[in-house]
N, C-alpha and C. Protein backbone atom coordinates (compact mmCIF):
# COMPACT_ATOMS: atom_id res chain seq x y z
N MET A 1 27.87 2.31 12.96
CA MET A 1 28.57 1.41 13.87
C MET A 1 29.62 2.18 14.65
N SER A 2 29.67 1.94 15.96
CA SER A 2 30.65 2.60 16.81
C SER A 2 32.04 2.11 16.47
N ALA A 3 33.04 2.98 16.65
CA ALA A 3 34.43 2.60 16.37
C ALA A 3 34.93 1.53 17.34
N PHE A 4 34.33 1.47 18.53
CA PHE A 4 34.72 0.48 19.54
C PHE A 4 33.47 -0.13 20.15
N GLU A 5 33.46 -1.45 20.26
CA GLU A 5 32.35 -2.17 20.87
C GLU A 5 32.90 -3.27 21.77
N GLN A 6 32.15 -3.60 22.80
CA GLN A 6 32.52 -4.73 23.64
C GLN A 6 31.96 -6.00 23.00
N VAL A 7 32.76 -7.05 23.03
CA VAL A 7 32.40 -8.32 22.41
C VAL A 7 32.20 -9.38 23.49
N VAL A 8 31.07 -10.04 23.44
CA VAL A 8 30.80 -11.19 24.31
C VAL A 8 30.20 -12.27 23.44
N GLY A 9 30.99 -13.28 23.13
CA GLY A 9 30.53 -14.33 22.24
C GLY A 9 30.22 -13.76 20.86
N LYS A 10 29.00 -14.01 20.37
CA LYS A 10 28.60 -13.49 19.07
C LYS A 10 27.94 -12.12 19.16
N LYS A 11 27.84 -11.59 20.38
CA LYS A 11 27.15 -10.31 20.58
C LYS A 11 28.15 -9.17 20.70
N ARG A 12 27.69 -7.99 20.30
CA ARG A 12 28.47 -6.76 20.46
C ARG A 12 27.62 -5.75 21.20
N PHE A 13 28.25 -5.00 22.07
CA PHE A 13 27.55 -4.03 22.88
C PHE A 13 28.24 -2.68 22.79
N SER A 14 27.45 -1.63 22.90
CA SER A 14 28.03 -0.29 22.95
C SER A 14 28.97 -0.22 24.15
N LEU A 15 30.12 0.38 23.93
CA LEU A 15 31.12 0.45 25.00
C LEU A 15 30.79 1.60 25.93
N GLU A 16 30.62 1.28 27.19
CA GLU A 16 30.38 2.30 28.21
C GLU A 16 31.74 2.72 28.76
N THR A 17 32.27 3.82 28.23
CA THR A 17 33.65 4.21 28.52
C THR A 17 33.89 4.46 30.00
N GLU A 18 33.01 5.22 30.63
CA GLU A 18 33.22 5.55 32.05
C GLU A 18 33.12 4.30 32.92
N GLU A 19 32.24 3.39 32.55
CA GLU A 19 32.12 2.14 33.31
C GLU A 19 33.41 1.33 33.17
N LEU A 20 33.97 1.29 31.95
CA LEU A 20 35.21 0.55 31.74
C LEU A 20 36.37 1.21 32.49
N ARG A 21 36.39 2.53 32.51
CA ARG A 21 37.47 3.23 33.22
C ARG A 21 37.37 2.98 34.73
N ALA A 22 36.15 3.01 35.27
CA ALA A 22 35.97 2.72 36.69
C ALA A 22 36.40 1.29 37.00
N ARG A 23 36.10 0.41 36.10
CA ARG A 23 36.52 -0.98 36.26
C ARG A 23 38.04 -1.09 36.24
N ALA A 24 38.67 -0.39 35.31
CA ALA A 24 40.14 -0.41 35.23
C ALA A 24 40.77 0.12 36.50
N ASN A 25 40.17 1.16 37.06
CA ASN A 25 40.72 1.77 38.28
C ASN A 25 40.65 0.85 39.49
N SER A 26 39.87 -0.22 39.41
CA SER A 26 39.75 -1.16 40.53
C SER A 26 40.83 -2.23 40.49
N TYR A 27 41.67 -2.21 39.45
CA TYR A 27 42.75 -3.18 39.32
C TYR A 27 44.10 -2.50 39.49
N GLU A 28 45.11 -3.30 39.84
CA GLU A 28 46.45 -2.75 40.06
C GLU A 28 47.07 -2.26 38.75
N ARG A 29 46.85 -3.01 37.68
CA ARG A 29 47.46 -2.69 36.39
C ARG A 29 46.48 -3.04 35.27
N VAL A 30 46.72 -2.42 34.11
CA VAL A 30 45.92 -2.71 32.92
C VAL A 30 46.87 -3.10 31.79
N THR A 31 46.60 -4.24 31.20
CA THR A 31 47.36 -4.72 30.04
C THR A 31 46.43 -4.72 28.83
N ILE A 32 46.91 -4.21 27.70
CA ILE A 32 46.13 -4.21 26.47
C ILE A 32 46.90 -4.96 25.39
N ASP A 33 46.23 -5.92 24.77
CA ASP A 33 46.80 -6.71 23.67
C ASP A 33 46.14 -6.26 22.38
N ILE A 34 46.87 -5.52 21.56
CA ILE A 34 46.33 -4.95 20.32
C ILE A 34 46.50 -5.96 19.19
N GLY A 35 45.41 -6.24 18.46
CA GLY A 35 45.45 -7.28 17.44
C GLY A 35 45.44 -8.65 18.10
N THR A 36 44.56 -8.83 19.06
CA THR A 36 44.63 -10.02 19.93
C THR A 36 44.24 -11.31 19.24
N GLY A 37 43.58 -11.25 18.07
CA GLY A 37 43.22 -12.47 17.38
C GLY A 37 42.21 -13.28 18.17
N GLN A 38 42.53 -14.54 18.46
CA GLN A 38 41.61 -15.42 19.17
C GLN A 38 41.55 -15.12 20.67
N GLY A 39 42.45 -14.29 21.16
CA GLY A 39 42.37 -13.84 22.55
C GLY A 39 42.96 -14.77 23.59
N LYS A 40 43.74 -15.77 23.16
CA LYS A 40 44.31 -16.70 24.14
C LYS A 40 45.26 -15.99 25.09
N PHE A 41 46.05 -15.06 24.56
CA PHE A 41 46.97 -14.33 25.44
C PHE A 41 46.20 -13.59 26.53
N VAL A 42 45.07 -13.01 26.17
CA VAL A 42 44.26 -12.27 27.14
C VAL A 42 43.76 -13.18 28.25
N THR A 43 43.20 -14.31 27.87
CA THR A 43 42.65 -15.20 28.89
C THR A 43 43.77 -15.80 29.75
N ASP A 44 44.91 -16.12 29.15
CA ASP A 44 46.03 -16.64 29.94
C ASP A 44 46.53 -15.60 30.93
N GLU A 45 46.69 -14.36 30.48
CA GLU A 45 47.17 -13.30 31.36
C GLU A 45 46.17 -13.01 32.47
N ALA A 46 44.89 -12.97 32.13
CA ALA A 46 43.87 -12.69 33.13
C ALA A 46 43.81 -13.79 34.18
N ARG A 47 43.99 -15.02 33.73
CA ARG A 47 43.96 -16.15 34.67
C ARG A 47 45.19 -16.15 35.57
N SER A 48 46.32 -15.72 35.04
CA SER A 48 47.57 -15.73 35.80
C SER A 48 47.69 -14.56 36.76
N ASN A 49 47.01 -13.45 36.43
CA ASN A 49 47.17 -12.22 37.22
C ASN A 49 45.79 -11.63 37.52
N ASN A 50 45.15 -12.10 38.59
CA ASN A 50 43.79 -11.64 38.85
C ASN A 50 43.73 -10.21 39.39
N SER A 51 44.90 -9.60 39.64
CA SER A 51 44.92 -8.19 40.03
C SER A 51 45.10 -7.28 38.82
N PHE A 52 45.19 -7.87 37.61
CA PHE A 52 45.33 -7.11 36.37
C PHE A 52 44.00 -7.14 35.60
N LEU A 53 43.65 -6.02 34.99
CA LEU A 53 42.61 -6.03 33.97
C LEU A 53 43.30 -6.20 32.63
N VAL A 54 42.87 -7.18 31.86
CA VAL A 54 43.50 -7.48 30.57
C VAL A 54 42.48 -7.26 29.46
N ILE A 55 42.82 -6.39 28.53
CA ILE A 55 41.90 -6.01 27.45
C ILE A 55 42.47 -6.49 26.13
N GLY A 56 41.66 -7.23 25.39
CA GLY A 56 42.04 -7.65 24.05
C GLY A 56 41.30 -6.81 23.02
N LEU A 57 42.04 -6.27 22.06
CA LEU A 57 41.46 -5.43 21.01
C LEU A 57 41.75 -6.05 19.65
N ASP A 58 40.72 -6.18 18.83
CA ASP A 58 40.92 -6.69 17.47
C ASP A 58 39.85 -6.09 16.57
N ALA A 59 40.21 -5.90 15.31
CA ALA A 59 39.26 -5.33 14.36
C ALA A 59 38.18 -6.33 13.97
N ALA A 60 38.45 -7.62 14.16
CA ALA A 60 37.49 -8.66 13.77
C ALA A 60 36.87 -9.27 15.02
N ALA A 61 35.62 -8.93 15.29
CA ALA A 61 34.95 -9.41 16.50
C ALA A 61 34.84 -10.92 16.54
N GLU A 62 34.64 -11.54 15.37
CA GLU A 62 34.42 -12.99 15.34
C GLU A 62 35.65 -13.75 15.82
N ASN A 63 36.84 -13.18 15.65
CA ASN A 63 38.04 -13.85 16.13
C ASN A 63 38.00 -14.08 17.64
N MET A 64 37.39 -13.15 18.36
CA MET A 64 37.41 -13.17 19.82
C MET A 64 36.18 -13.85 20.42
N GLY A 65 35.30 -14.37 19.58
CA GLY A 65 34.01 -14.88 20.04
C GLY A 65 34.11 -15.93 21.12
N GLU A 66 34.89 -16.96 20.90
CA GLU A 66 34.96 -18.07 21.85
C GLU A 66 35.60 -17.63 23.17
N ALA A 67 36.73 -16.93 23.08
CA ALA A 67 37.41 -16.49 24.30
C ALA A 67 36.55 -15.52 25.11
N SER A 68 35.87 -14.61 24.42
CA SER A 68 35.05 -13.63 25.14
C SER A 68 33.83 -14.28 25.77
N ARG A 69 33.29 -15.28 25.12
CA ARG A 69 32.13 -16.00 25.69
C ARG A 69 32.53 -16.71 26.98
N LYS A 70 33.66 -17.39 26.95
CA LYS A 70 34.12 -18.11 28.13
C LYS A 70 34.49 -17.15 29.26
N ALA A 71 35.11 -16.03 28.91
CA ALA A 71 35.51 -15.06 29.93
C ALA A 71 34.30 -14.45 30.63
N ALA A 72 33.18 -14.32 29.91
CA ALA A 72 31.99 -13.69 30.48
C ALA A 72 31.18 -14.63 31.36
N ALA A 73 31.56 -15.89 31.42
CA ALA A 73 30.84 -16.85 32.26
C ALA A 73 31.06 -16.56 33.74
N SER A 74 30.28 -17.17 34.58
CA SER A 74 30.46 -17.05 36.02
C SER A 74 31.86 -17.54 36.41
N PRO A 75 32.52 -16.86 37.35
CA PRO A 75 33.84 -17.34 37.80
C PRO A 75 33.80 -18.79 38.26
N LYS A 76 32.67 -19.24 38.81
CA LYS A 76 32.54 -20.63 39.24
C LYS A 76 32.61 -21.59 38.07
N LYS A 77 32.31 -21.06 36.87
CA LYS A 77 32.36 -21.89 35.66
C LYS A 77 33.56 -21.54 34.80
N GLY A 78 34.56 -20.91 35.41
CA GLY A 78 35.79 -20.60 34.68
C GLY A 78 35.83 -19.23 34.05
N GLY A 79 34.84 -18.40 34.33
CA GLY A 79 34.83 -17.06 33.77
C GLY A 79 35.95 -16.20 34.33
N LEU A 80 36.25 -15.15 33.60
CA LEU A 80 37.36 -14.26 33.97
C LEU A 80 36.84 -12.82 33.99
N PRO A 81 36.43 -12.33 35.15
CA PRO A 81 35.89 -10.97 35.22
C PRO A 81 36.93 -9.90 34.90
N ASN A 82 38.21 -10.25 34.91
CA ASN A 82 39.26 -9.28 34.60
C ASN A 82 39.74 -9.38 33.16
N ALA A 83 38.96 -10.01 32.29
CA ALA A 83 39.26 -10.08 30.86
C ALA A 83 38.15 -9.39 30.08
N VAL A 84 38.54 -8.47 29.21
CA VAL A 84 37.57 -7.70 28.40
C VAL A 84 38.01 -7.76 26.95
N PHE A 85 37.05 -7.91 26.06
CA PHE A 85 37.34 -7.97 24.63
C PHE A 85 36.61 -6.85 23.91
N LEU A 86 37.35 -6.11 23.09
CA LEU A 86 36.80 -4.98 22.37
C LEU A 86 37.06 -5.12 20.87
N ARG A 87 36.03 -4.80 20.09
CA ARG A 87 36.22 -4.69 18.64
C ARG A 87 36.62 -3.26 18.32
N GLY A 88 37.72 -3.12 17.61
CA GLY A 88 38.17 -1.79 17.21
C GLY A 88 39.47 -1.90 16.45
N ALA A 89 39.72 -0.95 15.58
CA ALA A 89 40.94 -0.94 14.78
C ALA A 89 42.03 -0.14 15.46
N ALA A 90 43.27 -0.58 15.29
CA ALA A 90 44.41 0.14 15.86
C ALA A 90 44.47 1.57 15.33
N GLU A 91 44.01 1.76 14.09
CA GLU A 91 44.05 3.09 13.50
C GLU A 91 43.11 4.07 14.20
N SER A 92 42.16 3.55 14.98
CA SER A 92 41.19 4.41 15.67
C SER A 92 41.60 4.74 17.10
N LEU A 93 42.73 4.21 17.55
CA LEU A 93 43.19 4.49 18.90
C LEU A 93 43.65 5.93 19.05
N PRO A 94 43.53 6.52 20.26
CA PRO A 94 43.20 5.84 21.51
C PRO A 94 41.70 5.66 21.76
N GLY A 95 40.85 6.45 21.12
CA GLY A 95 39.42 6.31 21.35
C GLY A 95 39.11 6.34 22.84
N PRO A 96 38.33 5.37 23.33
CA PRO A 96 37.95 5.37 24.75
C PRO A 96 39.06 4.86 25.67
N LEU A 97 40.20 4.46 25.12
CA LEU A 97 41.27 3.85 25.91
C LEU A 97 42.40 4.84 26.22
N LEU A 98 42.11 6.11 26.19
CA LEU A 98 43.12 7.13 26.45
C LEU A 98 43.75 6.92 27.83
N GLU A 99 45.08 6.74 27.84
CA GLU A 99 45.87 6.62 29.08
C GLU A 99 45.37 5.49 29.98
N PHE A 100 44.97 4.37 29.37
CA PHE A 100 44.47 3.22 30.11
C PHE A 100 45.58 2.30 30.59
N ALA A 101 46.60 2.07 29.75
CA ALA A 101 47.44 0.88 29.90
C ALA A 101 48.75 1.12 30.62
N ASN A 102 49.13 0.13 31.44
CA ASN A 102 50.48 0.06 32.00
C ASN A 102 51.40 -0.75 31.09
N THR A 103 50.79 -1.67 30.34
CA THR A 103 51.54 -2.54 29.44
C THR A 103 50.73 -2.74 28.17
N VAL A 104 51.40 -2.65 27.02
CA VAL A 104 50.75 -2.87 25.73
C VAL A 104 51.56 -3.91 24.95
N PHE A 105 50.84 -4.86 24.35
CA PHE A 105 51.47 -5.86 23.49
C PHE A 105 50.91 -5.74 22.07
N VAL A 106 51.80 -5.91 21.09
CA VAL A 106 51.40 -6.10 19.69
C VAL A 106 52.17 -7.34 19.23
N GLN A 107 51.46 -8.44 19.04
CA GLN A 107 52.12 -9.73 18.84
C GLN A 107 51.82 -10.31 17.46
N TYR A 108 52.86 -10.43 16.66
CA TYR A 108 52.78 -11.03 15.34
C TYR A 108 51.64 -10.42 14.52
N PRO A 109 51.65 -9.10 14.38
CA PRO A 109 50.57 -8.43 13.63
C PRO A 109 50.67 -8.72 12.14
N TRP A 110 49.57 -8.43 11.47
CA TRP A 110 49.49 -8.61 10.02
C TRP A 110 48.85 -7.36 9.43
N GLY A 111 48.97 -7.19 8.14
CA GLY A 111 48.28 -6.11 7.45
C GLY A 111 48.66 -4.74 7.97
N SER A 112 47.64 -3.90 8.18
CA SER A 112 47.88 -2.51 8.55
C SER A 112 48.57 -2.37 9.90
N LEU A 113 48.26 -3.28 10.84
CA LEU A 113 48.90 -3.19 12.15
C LEU A 113 50.39 -3.50 12.05
N MET A 114 50.76 -4.45 11.20
CA MET A 114 52.18 -4.74 11.00
C MET A 114 52.88 -3.51 10.43
N ARG A 115 52.22 -2.83 9.52
CA ARG A 115 52.82 -1.63 8.94
C ARG A 115 52.99 -0.53 10.00
N ILE A 116 52.01 -0.38 10.88
CA ILE A 116 52.08 0.67 11.91
C ILE A 116 53.34 0.52 12.75
N VAL A 117 53.64 -0.71 13.18
CA VAL A 117 54.75 -0.90 14.13
C VAL A 117 56.08 -1.19 13.46
N SER A 118 56.09 -1.53 12.17
CA SER A 118 57.36 -1.88 11.53
C SER A 118 57.80 -0.89 10.46
N GLU A 119 56.88 -0.10 9.92
CA GLU A 119 57.29 0.88 8.90
C GLU A 119 58.15 2.00 9.49
N PRO A 120 57.89 2.57 10.64
CA PRO A 120 56.58 2.57 11.30
C PRO A 120 55.74 3.76 10.85
N ASP A 121 54.44 3.65 11.11
CA ASP A 121 53.49 4.71 10.80
C ASP A 121 53.35 5.57 12.06
N THR A 122 54.07 6.69 12.08
CA THR A 122 54.16 7.49 13.30
C THR A 122 52.80 7.99 13.76
N LYS A 123 51.95 8.37 12.81
CA LYS A 123 50.64 8.90 13.18
C LYS A 123 49.86 7.89 14.01
N HIS A 124 49.79 6.65 13.54
CA HIS A 124 49.00 5.66 14.24
C HIS A 124 49.77 5.04 15.41
N LEU A 125 51.09 5.05 15.34
CA LEU A 125 51.88 4.65 16.50
C LEU A 125 51.65 5.62 17.65
N LEU A 126 51.45 6.88 17.31
CA LEU A 126 51.11 7.88 18.33
C LEU A 126 49.77 7.55 18.98
N GLY A 127 48.84 7.00 18.21
CA GLY A 127 47.56 6.56 18.78
C GLY A 127 47.77 5.47 19.81
N ILE A 128 48.69 4.55 19.53
CA ILE A 128 49.01 3.50 20.52
C ILE A 128 49.66 4.13 21.74
N ARG A 129 50.54 5.11 21.51
CA ARG A 129 51.18 5.78 22.66
C ARG A 129 50.14 6.45 23.56
N LYS A 130 49.09 7.00 23.00
CA LYS A 130 48.08 7.69 23.80
C LYS A 130 47.24 6.74 24.64
N VAL A 131 47.31 5.44 24.31
CA VAL A 131 46.66 4.43 25.15
C VAL A 131 47.45 4.24 26.45
N CYS A 132 48.72 4.62 26.44
CA CYS A 132 49.62 4.32 27.54
C CYS A 132 49.57 5.35 28.66
N GLN A 133 49.72 4.86 29.88
CA GLN A 133 50.01 5.72 31.00
C GLN A 133 51.50 6.09 30.98
N PRO A 134 51.92 7.10 31.74
CA PRO A 134 53.34 7.44 31.78
C PRO A 134 54.19 6.22 32.17
N ASP A 135 55.29 6.04 31.47
CA ASP A 135 56.25 4.96 31.74
C ASP A 135 55.70 3.57 31.43
N ALA A 136 54.62 3.50 30.68
CA ALA A 136 54.10 2.19 30.28
C ALA A 136 55.10 1.48 29.36
N ARG A 137 54.99 0.17 29.31
CA ARG A 137 55.85 -0.64 28.46
C ARG A 137 55.10 -1.07 27.21
N LEU A 138 55.80 -1.04 26.08
CA LEU A 138 55.28 -1.56 24.82
C LEU A 138 56.18 -2.69 24.37
N THR A 139 55.57 -3.86 24.10
CA THR A 139 56.31 -4.99 23.56
C THR A 139 55.71 -5.35 22.21
N VAL A 140 56.56 -5.34 21.18
CA VAL A 140 56.15 -5.69 19.82
C VAL A 140 56.92 -6.94 19.41
N LEU A 141 56.21 -7.94 18.91
CA LEU A 141 56.83 -9.13 18.36
C LEU A 141 56.42 -9.24 16.90
N LEU A 142 57.41 -9.29 16.03
CA LEU A 142 57.16 -9.35 14.59
C LEU A 142 57.68 -10.66 14.01
N ASN A 143 56.92 -11.23 13.09
CA ASN A 143 57.40 -12.39 12.33
C ASN A 143 58.49 -11.91 11.39
N TYR A 144 59.73 -11.99 11.85
CA TYR A 144 60.84 -11.39 11.10
C TYR A 144 61.14 -12.16 9.82
N SER A 145 60.72 -13.42 9.75
CA SER A 145 60.96 -14.20 8.54
C SER A 145 60.34 -13.54 7.32
N VAL A 146 59.24 -12.81 7.53
CA VAL A 146 58.60 -12.08 6.42
C VAL A 146 59.56 -11.05 5.85
N PHE A 147 60.29 -10.35 6.71
CA PHE A 147 61.19 -9.30 6.26
C PHE A 147 62.47 -9.85 5.66
N GLU A 148 62.76 -11.12 5.92
CA GLU A 148 63.91 -11.77 5.30
C GLU A 148 63.59 -12.25 3.89
N ASP A 149 62.31 -12.28 3.55
CA ASP A 149 61.88 -12.73 2.22
C ASP A 149 61.26 -11.52 1.50
N ARG A 150 62.10 -10.72 0.88
CA ARG A 150 61.63 -9.47 0.28
C ARG A 150 60.68 -9.71 -0.88
N ASP A 151 60.83 -10.81 -1.62
CA ASP A 151 59.91 -11.11 -2.71
C ASP A 151 58.50 -11.32 -2.16
N TYR A 152 58.41 -12.04 -1.06
CA TYR A 152 57.12 -12.28 -0.43
C TYR A 152 56.53 -10.97 0.08
N LEU A 153 57.38 -10.14 0.66
CA LEU A 153 56.92 -8.85 1.16
C LEU A 153 56.39 -7.99 0.00
N ASP A 154 57.05 -8.07 -1.14
CA ASP A 154 56.57 -7.34 -2.32
C ASP A 154 55.19 -7.82 -2.73
N ARG A 155 54.98 -9.13 -2.68
CA ARG A 155 53.67 -9.68 -3.06
C ARG A 155 52.58 -9.24 -2.10
N LEU A 156 52.96 -8.95 -0.85
CA LEU A 156 52.00 -8.45 0.13
C LEU A 156 51.73 -6.96 -0.04
N GLY A 157 52.47 -6.33 -0.94
CA GLY A 157 52.32 -4.89 -1.11
C GLY A 157 53.04 -4.09 -0.04
N MET A 158 54.00 -4.71 0.62
CA MET A 158 54.73 -4.05 1.71
C MET A 158 56.23 -4.00 1.44
N GLY A 159 56.60 -4.11 0.18
CA GLY A 159 58.01 -4.13 -0.17
C GLY A 159 58.73 -2.83 0.11
N ASP A 160 57.97 -1.77 0.40
CA ASP A 160 58.59 -0.47 0.68
C ASP A 160 59.06 -0.35 2.13
N ILE A 161 58.70 -1.31 3.00
CA ILE A 161 59.09 -1.23 4.40
C ILE A 161 60.56 -1.61 4.54
N LEU A 162 61.34 -0.75 5.17
CA LEU A 162 62.73 -1.05 5.43
C LEU A 162 62.84 -2.14 6.49
N ASP A 163 63.97 -2.83 6.52
CA ASP A 163 64.20 -3.88 7.50
C ASP A 163 64.06 -3.29 8.91
N PRO A 164 63.03 -3.67 9.68
CA PRO A 164 62.81 -3.04 10.99
C PRO A 164 63.88 -3.40 12.03
N ALA A 165 64.68 -4.43 11.75
CA ALA A 165 65.75 -4.79 12.68
C ALA A 165 66.98 -3.92 12.47
N GLU A 166 67.09 -3.33 11.28
CA GLU A 166 68.29 -2.58 10.94
C GLU A 166 68.03 -1.11 10.68
N SER A 167 66.80 -0.75 10.40
CA SER A 167 66.47 0.61 9.99
C SER A 167 66.88 1.64 11.05
N GLU A 168 67.69 2.61 10.63
CA GLU A 168 68.09 3.69 11.55
C GLU A 168 66.93 4.65 11.79
N ALA A 169 65.95 4.65 10.89
CA ALA A 169 64.82 5.56 11.02
C ALA A 169 63.80 5.07 12.04
N LEU A 170 63.78 3.75 12.30
CA LEU A 170 62.74 3.19 13.17
C LEU A 170 62.80 3.74 14.60
N PRO A 171 63.96 3.75 15.27
CA PRO A 171 63.97 4.31 16.64
C PRO A 171 63.59 5.79 16.68
N ILE A 172 63.94 6.52 15.62
CA ILE A 172 63.59 7.95 15.56
C ILE A 172 62.08 8.10 15.44
N ALA A 173 61.47 7.29 14.59
CA ALA A 173 60.01 7.36 14.42
C ALA A 173 59.30 6.99 15.71
N TYR A 174 59.78 5.96 16.39
CA TYR A 174 59.18 5.59 17.67
C TYR A 174 59.30 6.73 18.68
N GLU A 175 60.47 7.37 18.72
CA GLU A 175 60.65 8.47 19.67
C GLU A 175 59.73 9.63 19.33
N ASN A 176 59.54 9.89 18.04
CA ASN A 176 58.63 10.96 17.62
C ASN A 176 57.19 10.65 18.02
N ALA A 177 56.90 9.36 18.19
CA ALA A 177 55.55 8.95 18.60
C ALA A 177 55.44 8.78 20.12
N GLY A 178 56.53 9.05 20.85
CA GLY A 178 56.46 8.99 22.30
C GLY A 178 56.92 7.68 22.91
N PHE A 179 57.78 6.92 22.20
CA PHE A 179 58.34 5.68 22.73
C PHE A 179 59.86 5.69 22.60
N ARG A 180 60.55 5.27 23.63
CA ARG A 180 61.99 5.07 23.55
C ARG A 180 62.27 3.57 23.51
N ILE A 181 62.87 3.12 22.41
CA ILE A 181 63.17 1.69 22.26
C ILE A 181 64.36 1.34 23.15
N GLU A 182 64.18 0.32 23.97
CA GLU A 182 65.25 -0.14 24.86
C GLU A 182 65.86 -1.45 24.38
N THR A 183 65.09 -2.25 23.64
CA THR A 183 65.59 -3.50 23.09
C THR A 183 65.06 -3.66 21.68
N ARG A 184 65.95 -4.05 20.77
CA ARG A 184 65.54 -4.40 19.40
C ARG A 184 66.45 -5.54 18.97
N GLU A 185 65.91 -6.76 18.98
CA GLU A 185 66.76 -7.91 18.67
C GLU A 185 65.95 -9.01 17.99
N VAL A 186 66.66 -9.79 17.19
CA VAL A 186 66.08 -10.93 16.48
C VAL A 186 66.45 -12.20 17.23
N PHE A 187 65.47 -13.07 17.43
CA PHE A 187 65.77 -14.36 18.05
C PHE A 187 65.02 -15.46 17.30
N HIS A 188 65.47 -16.68 17.51
CA HIS A 188 64.85 -17.85 16.90
C HIS A 188 64.28 -18.75 18.00
N GLY A 189 63.26 -19.51 17.64
CA GLY A 189 62.68 -20.44 18.60
C GLY A 189 61.38 -19.94 19.17
N ASP A 190 61.00 -20.53 20.30
CA ASP A 190 59.70 -20.25 20.90
C ASP A 190 59.56 -18.78 21.29
N PRO A 191 58.38 -18.21 21.07
CA PRO A 191 58.15 -16.82 21.48
C PRO A 191 58.09 -16.70 22.99
N PRO A 192 58.43 -15.52 23.53
CA PRO A 192 58.44 -15.35 24.98
C PRO A 192 57.07 -15.12 25.60
N VAL A 193 56.03 -15.01 24.79
CA VAL A 193 54.69 -14.81 25.31
C VAL A 193 53.76 -15.84 24.69
N ARG A 194 52.49 -15.85 25.15
CA ARG A 194 51.61 -16.97 24.85
C ARG A 194 50.59 -16.69 23.76
N SER A 195 50.93 -15.89 22.79
CA SER A 195 50.03 -15.67 21.66
C SER A 195 49.87 -16.97 20.87
N ALA A 196 48.64 -17.39 20.65
CA ALA A 196 48.40 -18.63 19.90
C ALA A 196 48.95 -18.51 18.49
N TRP A 197 48.76 -17.36 17.86
CA TRP A 197 49.24 -17.17 16.49
C TRP A 197 50.76 -17.16 16.45
N GLY A 198 51.37 -16.55 17.47
CA GLY A 198 52.83 -16.53 17.53
C GLY A 198 53.39 -17.94 17.65
N ARG A 199 52.79 -18.77 18.49
CA ARG A 199 53.25 -20.15 18.62
C ARG A 199 53.08 -20.90 17.31
N HIS A 200 51.98 -20.65 16.64
CA HIS A 200 51.72 -21.30 15.36
C HIS A 200 52.80 -20.93 14.34
N LEU A 201 53.23 -19.68 14.38
CA LEU A 201 54.21 -19.22 13.40
C LEU A 201 55.61 -19.77 13.65
N VAL A 202 56.04 -19.79 14.90
CA VAL A 202 57.46 -20.01 15.13
C VAL A 202 57.81 -21.26 15.93
N ARG A 203 56.90 -21.82 16.67
CA ARG A 203 57.28 -22.96 17.53
C ARG A 203 57.74 -24.14 16.69
N GLY A 204 58.89 -24.69 17.08
CA GLY A 204 59.41 -25.87 16.41
C GLY A 204 59.91 -25.59 15.01
N SER A 205 60.13 -24.34 14.68
CA SER A 205 60.60 -24.01 13.35
C SER A 205 61.82 -23.12 13.44
N SER A 206 62.36 -22.79 12.27
CA SER A 206 63.53 -21.91 12.23
C SER A 206 63.12 -20.46 12.01
N ARG A 207 61.83 -20.17 12.08
CA ARG A 207 61.38 -18.80 11.87
C ARG A 207 61.97 -17.87 12.92
N ALA A 208 62.21 -16.66 12.49
CA ALA A 208 62.80 -15.66 13.38
C ALA A 208 61.75 -14.67 13.85
N THR A 209 61.93 -14.15 15.05
CA THR A 209 61.07 -13.13 15.63
C THR A 209 61.90 -11.89 15.94
N LEU A 210 61.37 -10.73 15.60
CA LEU A 210 61.99 -9.47 16.00
C LEU A 210 61.25 -8.95 17.22
N LEU A 211 61.98 -8.74 18.31
CA LEU A 211 61.44 -8.17 19.53
C LEU A 211 61.79 -6.69 19.59
N ILE A 212 60.77 -5.86 19.77
CA ILE A 212 60.96 -4.44 20.04
C ILE A 212 60.34 -4.16 21.40
N ASP A 213 61.16 -3.75 22.33
CA ASP A 213 60.68 -3.44 23.67
C ASP A 213 60.93 -1.96 23.92
N ALA A 214 59.89 -1.23 24.29
CA ALA A 214 60.00 0.23 24.42
C ALA A 214 59.27 0.72 25.65
N VAL A 215 59.60 1.93 26.06
CA VAL A 215 58.94 2.56 27.20
C VAL A 215 58.31 3.87 26.73
N ALA A 216 57.14 4.18 27.27
CA ALA A 216 56.47 5.43 26.91
C ALA A 216 57.21 6.61 27.54
N ILE A 217 57.47 7.61 26.73
CA ILE A 217 58.10 8.84 27.20
C ILE A 217 57.14 9.99 26.96
N ASP A 218 57.55 11.20 27.34
CA ASP A 218 56.67 12.35 27.16
C ASP A 218 56.26 12.48 25.71
N LEU A 219 54.99 12.76 25.50
CA LEU A 219 54.49 12.95 24.14
C LEU A 219 55.06 14.22 23.53
N PRO A 220 55.31 14.19 22.21
CA PRO A 220 55.72 15.43 21.55
C PRO A 220 54.69 16.53 21.80
N GLU A 221 55.15 17.74 21.99
CA GLU A 221 54.26 18.85 22.35
C GLU A 221 53.19 19.10 21.31
N THR A 222 53.48 18.77 20.07
CA THR A 222 52.52 19.07 18.99
C THR A 222 51.46 18.00 18.82
N SER A 223 51.57 16.89 19.61
CA SER A 223 50.67 15.76 19.36
C SER A 223 49.31 15.95 19.98
N GLY A 224 49.21 16.68 21.09
CA GLY A 224 47.95 16.82 21.78
C GLY A 224 47.55 15.54 22.47
N HIS A 225 46.35 15.51 23.02
CA HIS A 225 45.88 14.34 23.76
C HIS A 225 44.49 13.91 23.30
N SER A 226 44.05 14.32 22.17
CA SER A 226 42.71 13.96 21.73
C SER A 226 42.71 12.65 20.96
């Protein structure tokens, strides 16, 4: 099985990298949503910005089935030619997405992806950085309530992660991976973006969200570009 596949409904197709790159070059900007889940953010962004190519990436193809099926329909029937869904793990980045993105989102991740951006895992965070074009923006939204409940975090097997809102090591790790953090703050209430999972977690509740907003900087010389 290929590390990256295009998803359309229940079908998966080999990813034609050069075709996707040519397609990306025909748009003003490229946005990538890593860990996109059901893909609502992708379809909303694609519908709002028809000059943007919006790519949703998730390790579970079935999560994206409905959104990808609708996006692949004829534009006359509500299809979105500027929305693309890919199956692939964040740990395998950049893969075919090398230097694709002007904007990258990681919204309310879970499991290994949460660890990558909150521990952080510099090796795999560097993979996300390699997806970025120069000066690209990275926005990370974390369910901060998880980090306020250390017993729960222990049960998840993630009790070793330091508080990402307070950790002095986190900005250093991001910089080592090629990102300069410009904003790191906790807020309560509705999330600033339209992730369905994010709304489910925090809307109408007292749950807290940690926002990390960063800009891509020059890659460390030892990282390479492969």
